[in-house]
Structures are given as C-alpha cells and as structure tokens.
Amino acid sequence: DVEETKKMIGNSKTLQGNMDPCALYLSEEQIRVKTKEMLDTFGYHRHIANLGHGLYPDTEKSKVKCFVDAVKEFGVRK
C-alpha cells in the first residue's frame, strides 16, 4: 500500500515502481490510463516511475515507449 509506505518512510526517502509489467500487454490507451493512475497514487511524494519488476521478453517496444511517454506527460508536477 503506497499510502502506508509513505507514512512509514516519511518524506526523506524515494519510492520506485510500481507498474505491473503485465499492464504493457494492454492497449496503448489503457497503458496511459494505468500509468496516470500509478502516478496519481504516488502524488507529489518523491517517486521514480518504473515497473514492479523487469520487462517480459515478448513485450512490444511500442508499449514500453507508450509507458515512458505517459510517465513524461503525466509525471511532471508543478
């Protein structure tokens, strides 16, 4: 649970993750939605957007690019 973890570690630590790599089998629109949901969960807390673990060998490069592009689009906090 991201909220519980943020409470435990405070604001001095950075969290990483937490997109399920299986999400990259979804459509590009669904990947964008899932990525935004993940980023919204972390909010303004220090966060490195990443997958929960590595890529599967058959993951399409276009889906990885979609994830990275969505992180760049939705991850900018002003």
PDB file of N, CA and C in Angstrom:
ATOM      1  N   ASP A   1       0.846  -1.184   0.000  1.00  0.00           N
ATOM      2  CA  ASP A   1       0.000   0.000   0.000  1.00  0.00           C
ATOM      3  C   ASP A   1       0.888   1.242   0.000  1.00  0.00           C
ATOM      4  N   VAL A   2       0.756   2.059  -1.022  1.00  0.00           N
ATOM      5  CA  VAL A   2       1.609   3.231  -1.185  1.00  0.00           C
ATOM      6  C   VAL A   2       1.411   4.223  -0.049  1.00  0.00           C
ATOM      7  N   GLU A   3       0.174   4.486   0.329  1.00  0.00           N
ATOM      8  CA  GLU A   3      -0.085   5.460   1.399  1.00  0.00           C
ATOM      9  C   GLU A   3       0.557   5.024   2.709  1.00  0.00           C
ATOM     10  N   GLU A   4       0.418   3.769   3.052  1.00  0.00           N
ATOM     11  CA  GLU A   4       1.005   3.247   4.289  1.00  0.00           C
ATOM     12  C   GLU A   4       2.532   3.330   4.230  1.00  0.00           C
ATOM     13  N   THR A   5       3.091   2.999   3.097  1.00  0.00           N
ATOM     14  CA  THR A   5       4.545   3.060   2.936  1.00  0.00           C
ATOM     15  C   THR A   5       5.041   4.493   3.067  1.00  0.00           C
ATOM     16  N   LYS A   6       4.337   5.448   2.468  1.00  0.00           N
ATOM     17  CA  LYS A   6       4.735   6.854   2.575  1.00  0.00           C
ATOM     18  C   LYS A   6       4.719   7.309   4.029  1.00  0.00           C
ATOM     19  N   LYS A   7       3.736   6.853   4.792  1.00  0.00           N
ATOM     20  CA  LYS A   7       3.672   7.202   6.214  1.00  0.00           C
ATOM     21  C   LYS A   7       4.860   6.619   6.968  1.00  0.00           C
ATOM     22  N   MET A   8       5.234   5.392   6.634  1.00  0.00           N
ATOM     23  CA  MET A   8       6.318   4.715   7.347  1.00  0.00           C
ATOM     24  C   MET A   8       7.679   5.337   7.061  1.00  0.00           C
ATOM     25  N   ILE A   9       7.934   5.733   5.822  1.00  0.00           N
ATOM     26  CA  ILE A   9       9.273   6.205   5.471  1.00  0.00           C
ATOM     27  C   ILE A   9       9.419   7.720   5.535  1.00  0.00           C
ATOM     28  N   GLY A  10       8.318   8.435   5.575  1.00  0.00           N
ATOM     29  CA  GLY A  10       8.389   9.887   5.610  1.00  0.00           C
ATOM     30  C   GLY A  10       8.747  10.471   4.254  1.00  0.00           C
ATOM     31  N   ASN A  11       9.122  11.745   4.257  1.00  0.00           N
ATOM     32  CA  ASN A  11       9.400  12.448   3.001  1.00  0.00           C
ATOM     33  C   ASN A  11      10.863  12.418   2.585  1.00  0.00           C
ATOM     34  N   SER A  12      11.715  11.783   3.381  1.00  0.00           N
ATOM     35  CA  SER A  12      13.144  11.825   3.077  1.00  0.00           C
ATOM     36  C   SER A  12      13.608  10.689   2.173  1.00  0.00           C
ATOM     37  N   LYS A  13      12.742   9.751   1.869  1.00  0.00           N
ATOM     38  CA  LYS A  13      13.098   8.602   1.034  1.00  0.00           C
ATOM     39  C   LYS A  13      12.314   8.649  -0.273  1.00  0.00           C
ATOM     40  N   THR A  14      12.887   8.046  -1.289  1.00  0.00           N
ATOM     41  CA  THR A  14      12.252   7.986  -2.603  1.00  0.00           C
ATOM     42  C   THR A  14      11.730   6.585  -2.861  1.00  0.00           C
ATOM     43  N   LEU A  15      10.515   6.487  -3.346  1.00  0.00           N
ATOM     44  CA  LEU A  15       9.924   5.196  -3.707  1.00  0.00           C
ATOM     45  C   LEU A  15      10.088   4.963  -5.205  1.00  0.00           C
ATOM     46  N   GLN A  16      10.133   3.698  -5.591  1.00  0.00           N
ATOM     47  CA  GLN A  16      10.287   3.341  -7.001  1.00  0.00           C
ATOM     48  C   GLN A  16       9.266   2.280  -7.375  1.00  0.00           C
ATOM     49  N   GLY A  17       8.768   2.371  -8.587  1.00  0.00           N
ATOM     50  CA  GLY A  17       7.837   1.357  -9.094  1.00  0.00           C
ATOM     51  C   GLY A  17       6.541   2.035  -9.458  1.00  0.00           C
ATOM     52  N   ASN A  18       5.628   1.381  -9.655  1.00  0.00           N
ATOM     53  CA  ASN A  18       5.120   0.134  -9.168  1.00  0.00           C
ATOM     54  C   ASN A  18       4.127  -0.405 -10.187  1.00  0.00           C
ATOM     55  N   MET A  19       4.409  -0.120 -11.448  1.00  0.00           N
ATOM     56  CA  MET A  19       3.509  -0.563 -12.522  1.00  0.00           C
ATOM     57  C   MET A  19       3.728  -2.051 -12.784  1.00  0.00           C
ATOM     58  N   ASP A  20       2.647  -2.794 -12.816  1.00  0.00           N
ATOM     59  CA  ASP A  20       2.708  -4.216 -13.143  1.00  0.00           C
ATOM     60  C   ASP A  20       3.151  -4.355 -14.598  1.00  0.00           C
ATOM     61  N   PRO A  21       4.240  -5.075 -14.885  1.00  0.00           N
ATOM     62  CA  PRO A  21       4.685  -5.200 -16.265  1.00  0.00           C
ATOM     63  C   PRO A  21       3.658  -5.868 -17.176  1.00  0.00           C
ATOM     64  N   CYS A  22       2.720  -6.608 -16.614  1.00  0.00           N
ATOM     65  CA  CYS A  22       1.646  -7.203 -17.426  1.00  0.00           C
ATOM     66  C   CYS A  22       0.759  -6.124 -18.036  1.00  0.00           C
ATOM     67  N   ALA A  23       0.749  -4.931 -17.439  1.00  0.00           N
ATOM     68  CA  ALA A  23      -0.048  -3.832 -17.985  1.00  0.00           C
ATOM     69  C   ALA A  23       0.423  -3.453 -19.385  1.00  0.00           C
ATOM     70  N   LEU A  24       1.661  -3.784 -19.715  1.00  0.00           N
ATOM     71  CA  LEU A  24       2.179  -3.439 -21.036  1.00  0.00           C
ATOM     72  C   LEU A  24       1.640  -4.348 -22.135  1.00  0.00           C
ATOM     73  N   TYR A  25       0.810  -5.310 -21.769  1.00  0.00           N
ATOM     74  CA  TYR A  25       0.092  -6.122 -22.762  1.00  0.00           C
ATOM     75  C   TYR A  25      -1.260  -5.492 -23.115  1.00  0.00           C
ATOM     76  N   LEU A  26      -1.635  -4.443 -22.406  1.00  0.00           N
ATOM     77  CA  LEU A  26      -2.900  -3.752 -22.667  1.00  0.00           C
ATOM     78  C   LEU A  26      -2.766  -2.864 -23.905  1.00  0.00           C
ATOM     79  N   SER A  27      -3.870  -2.249 -24.290  1.00  0.00           N
ATOM     80  CA  SER A  27      -3.813  -1.283 -25.395  1.00  0.00           C
ATOM     81  C   SER A  27      -3.029  -0.051 -24.935  1.00  0.00           C
ATOM     82  N   GLU A  28      -2.568   0.731 -25.887  1.00  0.00           N
ATOM     83  CA  GLU A  28      -1.809   1.931 -25.526  1.00  0.00           C
ATOM     84  C   GLU A  28      -2.656   2.897 -24.704  1.00  0.00           C
ATOM     85  N   GLU A  29      -3.927   3.018 -25.010  1.00  0.00           N
ATOM     86  CA  GLU A  29      -4.794   3.901 -24.221  1.00  0.00           C
ATOM     87  C   GLU A  29      -4.912   3.388 -22.791  1.00  0.00           C
ATOM     88  N   GLN A  30      -5.053   2.088 -22.628  1.00  0.00           N
ATOM     89  CA  GLN A  30      -5.137   1.513 -21.283  1.00  0.00           C
ATOM     90  C   GLN A  30      -3.822   1.673 -20.527  1.00  0.00           C
ATOM     91  N   ILE A  31      -2.704   1.573 -21.226  1.00  0.00           N
ATOM     92  CA  ILE A  31      -1.401   1.793 -20.587  1.00  0.00           C
ATOM     93  C   ILE A  31      -1.322   3.220 -20.072  1.00  0.00           C
ATOM     94  N   ARG A  32      -1.779   4.164 -20.872  1.00  0.00           N
ATOM     95  CA  ARG A  32      -1.773   5.575 -20.445  1.00  0.00           C
ATOM     96  C   ARG A  32      -2.624   5.766 -19.191  1.00  0.00           C
ATOM     97  N   VAL A  33      -3.805   5.155 -19.165  1.00  0.00           N
ATOM     98  CA  VAL A  33      -4.700   5.266 -18.008  1.00  0.00           C
ATOM     99  C   VAL A  33      -4.039   4.657 -16.774  1.00  0.00           C
ATOM    100  N   LYS A  34      -3.489   3.457 -16.918  1.00  0.00           N
ATOM    101  CA  LYS A  34      -2.848   2.773 -15.782  1.00  0.00           C
ATOM    102  C   LYS A  34      -1.638   3.560 -15.278  1.00  0.00           C
ATOM    103  N   THR A  35      -0.883   4.137 -16.196  1.00  0.00           N
ATOM    104  CA  THR A  35       0.284   4.924 -15.803  1.00  0.00           C
ATOM    105  C   THR A  35      -0.137   6.155 -15.019  1.00  0.00           C
ATOM    106  N   LYS A  36      -1.152   6.850 -15.499  1.00  0.00           N
ATOM    107  CA  LYS A  36      -1.647   8.031 -14.771  1.00  0.00           C
ATOM    108  C   LYS A  36      -2.164   7.640 -13.398  1.00  0.00           C
ATOM    109  N   GLU A  37      -2.881   6.527 -13.303  1.00  0.00           N
ATOM    110  CA  GLU A  37      -3.375   6.058 -12.001  1.00  0.00           C
ATOM    111  C   GLU A  37      -2.212   5.799 -11.048  1.00  0.00           C
ATOM    112  N   MET A  38      -1.153   5.143 -11.540  1.00  0.00           N
ATOM    113  CA  MET A  38       0.016   4.871 -10.706  1.00  0.00           C
ATOM    114  C   MET A  38       0.637   6.175 -10.216  1.00  0.00           C
ATOM    115  N   LEU A  39       0.844   7.118 -11.122  1.00  0.00           N
ATOM    116  CA  LEU A  39       1.458   8.391 -10.750  1.00  0.00           C
ATOM    117  C   LEU A  39       0.586   9.161  -9.769  1.00  0.00           C
ATOM    118  N   ASP A  40      -0.717   9.140  -9.972  1.00  0.00           N
ATOM    119  CA  ASP A  40      -1.632   9.817  -9.053  1.00  0.00           C
ATOM    120  C   ASP A  40      -1.575   9.201  -7.662  1.00  0.00           C
ATOM    121  N   THR A  41      -1.370   7.885  -7.586  1.00  0.00           N
ATOM    122  CA  THR A  41      -1.269   7.209  -6.291  1.00  0.00           C
ATOM    123  C   THR A  41      -0.068   7.727  -5.507  1.00  0.00           C
ATOM    124  N   PHE A  42       1.038   7.959  -6.194  1.00  0.00           N
ATOM    125  CA  PHE A  42       2.239   8.444  -5.520  1.00  0.00           C
ATOM    126  C   PHE A  42       2.156   9.938  -5.242  1.00  0.00           C
ATOM    127  N   GLY A  43       1.344  10.649  -5.989  1.00  0.00           N
ATOM    128  CA  GLY A  43       1.161  12.076  -5.762  1.00  0.00           C
ATOM    129  C   GLY A  43       2.465  12.841  -5.897  1.00  0.00           C
ATOM    130  N   TYR A  44       2.692  13.779  -4.981  1.00  0.00           N
ATOM    131  CA  TYR A  44       3.881  14.622  -5.034  1.00  0.00           C
ATOM    132  C   TYR A  44       5.039  14.026  -4.256  1.00  0.00           C
ATOM    133  N   HIS A  45       4.853  12.834  -3.689  1.00  0.00           N
ATOM    134  CA  HIS A  45       5.935  12.176  -2.963  1.00  0.00           C
ATOM    135  C   HIS A  45       7.073  11.865  -3.927  1.00  0.00           C
ATOM    136  N   ARG A  46       8.285  11.858  -3.404  1.00  0.00           N
ATOM    137  CA  ARG A  46       9.450  11.506  -4.220  1.00  0.00           C
ATOM    138  C   ARG A  46       9.241  10.119  -4.808  1.00  0.00           C
ATOM    139  N   HIS A  47       9.367  10.011  -6.120  1.00  0.00           N
ATOM    140  CA  HIS A  47       8.984   8.768  -6.783  1.00  0.00           C
ATOM    141  C   HIS A  47       9.753   8.605  -8.087  1.00  0.00           C
ATOM    142  N   ILE A  48      10.262   7.406  -8.311  1.00  0.00           N
ATOM    143  CA  ILE A  48      10.852   7.030  -9.593  1.00  0.00           C
ATOM    144  C   ILE A  48       9.860   6.093 -10.258  1.00  0.00           C
ATOM    145  N   ALA A  49       9.252   6.543 -11.326  1.00  0.00           N
ATOM    146  CA  ALA A  49       8.278   5.708 -12.029  1.00  0.00           C
ATOM    147  C   ALA A  49       9.019   4.559 -12.706  1.00  0.00           C
ATOM    148  N   ASN A  50       8.523   3.360 -12.480  1.00  0.00           N
ATOM    149  CA  ASN A  50       9.174   2.180 -13.019  1.00  0.00           C
ATOM    150  C   ASN A  50       8.173   1.042 -12.994  1.00  0.00           C
ATOM    151  N   LEU A  51       8.567  -0.074 -13.555  1.00  0.00           N
ATOM    152  CA  LEU A  51       7.753  -1.284 -13.457  1.00  0.00           C
ATOM    153  C   LEU A  51       8.016  -1.946 -12.108  1.00  0.00           C
ATOM    154  N   GLY A  52       7.080  -2.782 -11.682  1.00  0.00           N
ATOM    155  CA  GLY A  52       7.246  -3.510 -10.426  1.00  0.00           C
ATOM    156  C   GLY A  52       8.425  -4.464 -10.473  1.00  0.00           C
ATOM    157  N   HIS A  53       8.740  -4.965 -11.636  1.00  0.00           N
ATOM    158  CA  HIS A  53       9.957  -5.739 -11.904  1.00  0.00           C
ATOM    159  C   HIS A  53      10.206  -5.665 -13.399  1.00  0.00           C
ATOM    160  N   GLY A  54      11.150  -6.407 -13.930  1.00  0.00           N
ATOM    161  CA  GLY A  54      11.583  -6.246 -15.316  1.00  0.00           C
ATOM    162  C   GLY A  54      10.532  -6.531 -16.372  1.00  0.00           C
ATOM    163  N   LEU A  55      10.916  -6.234 -17.587  1.00  0.00           N
ATOM    164  CA  LEU A  55      10.061  -6.486 -18.750  1.00  0.00           C
ATOM    165  C   LEU A  55      10.036  -7.971 -19.083  1.00  0.00           C
ATOM    166  N   TYR A  56       8.928  -8.407 -19.642  1.00  0.00           N
ATOM    167  CA  TYR A  56       8.857  -9.762 -20.184  1.00  0.00           C
ATOM    168  C   TYR A  56       9.477  -9.750 -21.579  1.00  0.00           C
ATOM    169  N   PRO A  57      10.107 -10.859 -21.995  1.00  0.00           N
ATOM    170  CA  PRO A  57      10.817 -10.880 -23.278  1.00  0.00           C
ATOM    171  C   PRO A  57       9.954 -10.551 -24.494  1.00  0.00           C
ATOM    172  N   ASP A  58       8.672 -10.834 -24.426  1.00  0.00           N
ATOM    173  CA  ASP A  58       7.816 -10.596 -25.595  1.00  0.00           C
ATOM    174  C   ASP A  58       7.070  -9.264 -25.544  1.00  0.00           C
ATOM    175  N   THR A  59       7.464  -8.386 -24.630  1.00  0.00           N
ATOM    176  CA  THR A  59       6.820  -7.074 -24.543  1.00  0.00           C
ATOM    177  C   THR A  59       7.164  -6.252 -25.784  1.00  0.00           C
ATOM    178  N   GLU A  60       6.155  -5.686 -26.395  1.00  0.00           N
ATOM    179  CA  GLU A  60       6.372  -4.873 -27.597  1.00  0.00           C
ATOM    180  C   GLU A  60       7.072  -3.562 -27.236  1.00  0.00           C
ATOM    181  N   LYS A  61       8.062  -3.185 -28.035  1.00  0.00           N
ATOM    182  CA  LYS A  61       8.795  -1.941 -27.788  1.00  0.00           C
ATOM    183  C   LYS A  61       7.862  -0.737 -27.808  1.00  0.00           C
ATOM    184  N   SER A  62       6.852  -0.781 -28.656  1.00  0.00           N
ATOM    185  CA  SER A  62       5.915   0.344 -28.744  1.00  0.00           C
ATOM    186  C   SER A  62       5.154   0.533 -27.433  1.00  0.00           C
ATOM    187  N   LYS A  63       4.910  -0.550 -26.708  1.00  0.00           N
ATOM    188  CA  LYS A  63       4.193  -0.461 -25.431  1.00  0.00           C
ATOM    189  C   LYS A  63       5.103   0.132 -24.352  1.00  0.00           C
ATOM    190  N   VAL A  64       6.393  -0.223 -24.407  1.00  0.00           N
ATOM    191  CA  VAL A  64       7.359   0.365 -23.470  1.00  0.00           C
ATOM    192  C   VAL A  64       7.463   1.863 -23.730  1.00  0.00           C
ATOM    193  N   LYS A  65       7.538   2.237 -24.998  1.00  0.00           N
ATOM    194  CA  LYS A  65       7.599   3.658 -25.352  1.00  0.00           C
ATOM    195  C   LYS A  65       6.346   4.385 -24.881  1.00  0.00           C
ATOM    196  N   CYS A  66       5.200   3.762 -25.030  1.00  0.00           N
ATOM    197  CA  CYS A  66       3.947   4.360 -24.573  1.00  0.00           C
ATOM    198  C   CYS A  66       4.001   4.627 -23.072  1.00  0.00           C
ATOM    199  N   PHE A  67       4.494   3.656 -22.305  1.00  0.00           N
ATOM    200  CA  PHE A  67       4.628   3.819 -20.852  1.00  0.00           C
ATOM    201  C   PHE A  67       5.558   4.988 -20.528  1.00  0.00           C
ATOM    202  N   VAL A  68       6.727   5.021 -21.159  1.00  0.00           N
ATOM    203  CA  VAL A  68       7.695   6.092 -20.905  1.00  0.00           C
ATOM    204  C   VAL A  68       7.103   7.451 -21.282  1.00  0.00           C
ATOM    205  N   ASP A  69       6.453   7.525 -22.424  1.00  0.00           N
ATOM    206  CA  ASP A  69       5.835   8.788 -22.854  1.00  0.00           C
ATOM    207  C   ASP A  69       4.753   9.237 -21.876  1.00  0.00           C
ATOM    208  N   ALA A  70       3.962   8.285 -21.366  1.00  0.00           N
ATOM    209  CA  ALA A  70       2.907   8.627 -20.401  1.00  0.00           C
ATOM    210  C   ALA A  70       3.516   9.130 -19.096  1.00  0.00           C
ATOM    211  N   VAL A  71       4.611   8.514 -18.663  1.00  0.00           N
ATOM    212  CA  VAL A  71       5.293   8.986 -17.450  1.00  0.00           C
ATOM    213  C   VAL A  71       5.766  10.417 -17.655  1.00  0.00           C
ATOM    214  N   LYS A  72       6.345  10.690 -18.804  1.00  0.00           N
ATOM    215  CA  LYS A  72       6.819  12.049 -19.090  1.00  0.00           C
ATOM    216  C   LYS A  72       5.657  13.041 -19.125  1.00  0.00           C
ATOM    217  N   GLU A  73       4.547  12.624 -19.698  1.00  0.00           N
ATOM    218  CA  GLU A  73       3.390  13.520 -19.803  1.00  0.00           C
ATOM    219  C   GLU A  73       2.719  13.756 -18.456  1.00  0.00           C
ATOM    220  N   PHE A  74       2.430  12.697 -17.738  1.00  0.00           N
ATOM    221  CA  PHE A  74       1.645  12.810 -16.508  1.00  0.00           C
ATOM    222  C   PHE A  74       2.494  12.966 -15.255  1.00  0.00           C
ATOM    223  N   GLY A  75       3.788  12.694 -15.367  1.00  0.00           N
ATOM    224  CA  GLY A  75       4.637  12.702 -14.182  1.00  0.00           C
ATOM    225  C   GLY A  75       5.195  14.060 -13.826  1.00  0.00           C
ATOM    226  N   VAL A  76       5.035  15.030 -14.698  1.00  0.00           N
ATOM    227  CA  VAL A  76       5.546  16.368 -14.424  1.00  0.00           C
ATOM    228  C   VAL A  76       4.638  17.032 -13.403  1.00  0.00           C
ATOM    229  N   ARG A  77       5.223  17.389 -12.280  1.00  0.00           N
ATOM    230  CA  ARG A  77       4.446  18.041 -11.206  1.00  0.00           C
ATOM    231  C   ARG A  77       4.926  19.473 -11.061  1.00  0.00           C
ATOM    232  N   LYS A  78       3.989  20.397 -11.107  1.00  0.00           N
ATOM    233  CA  LYS A  78       4.358  21.813 -10.991  1.00  0.00           C
ATOM    234  C   LYS A  78       3.818  22.394  -9.720  1.00  0.00           C
TER     235      LYS A  78
END
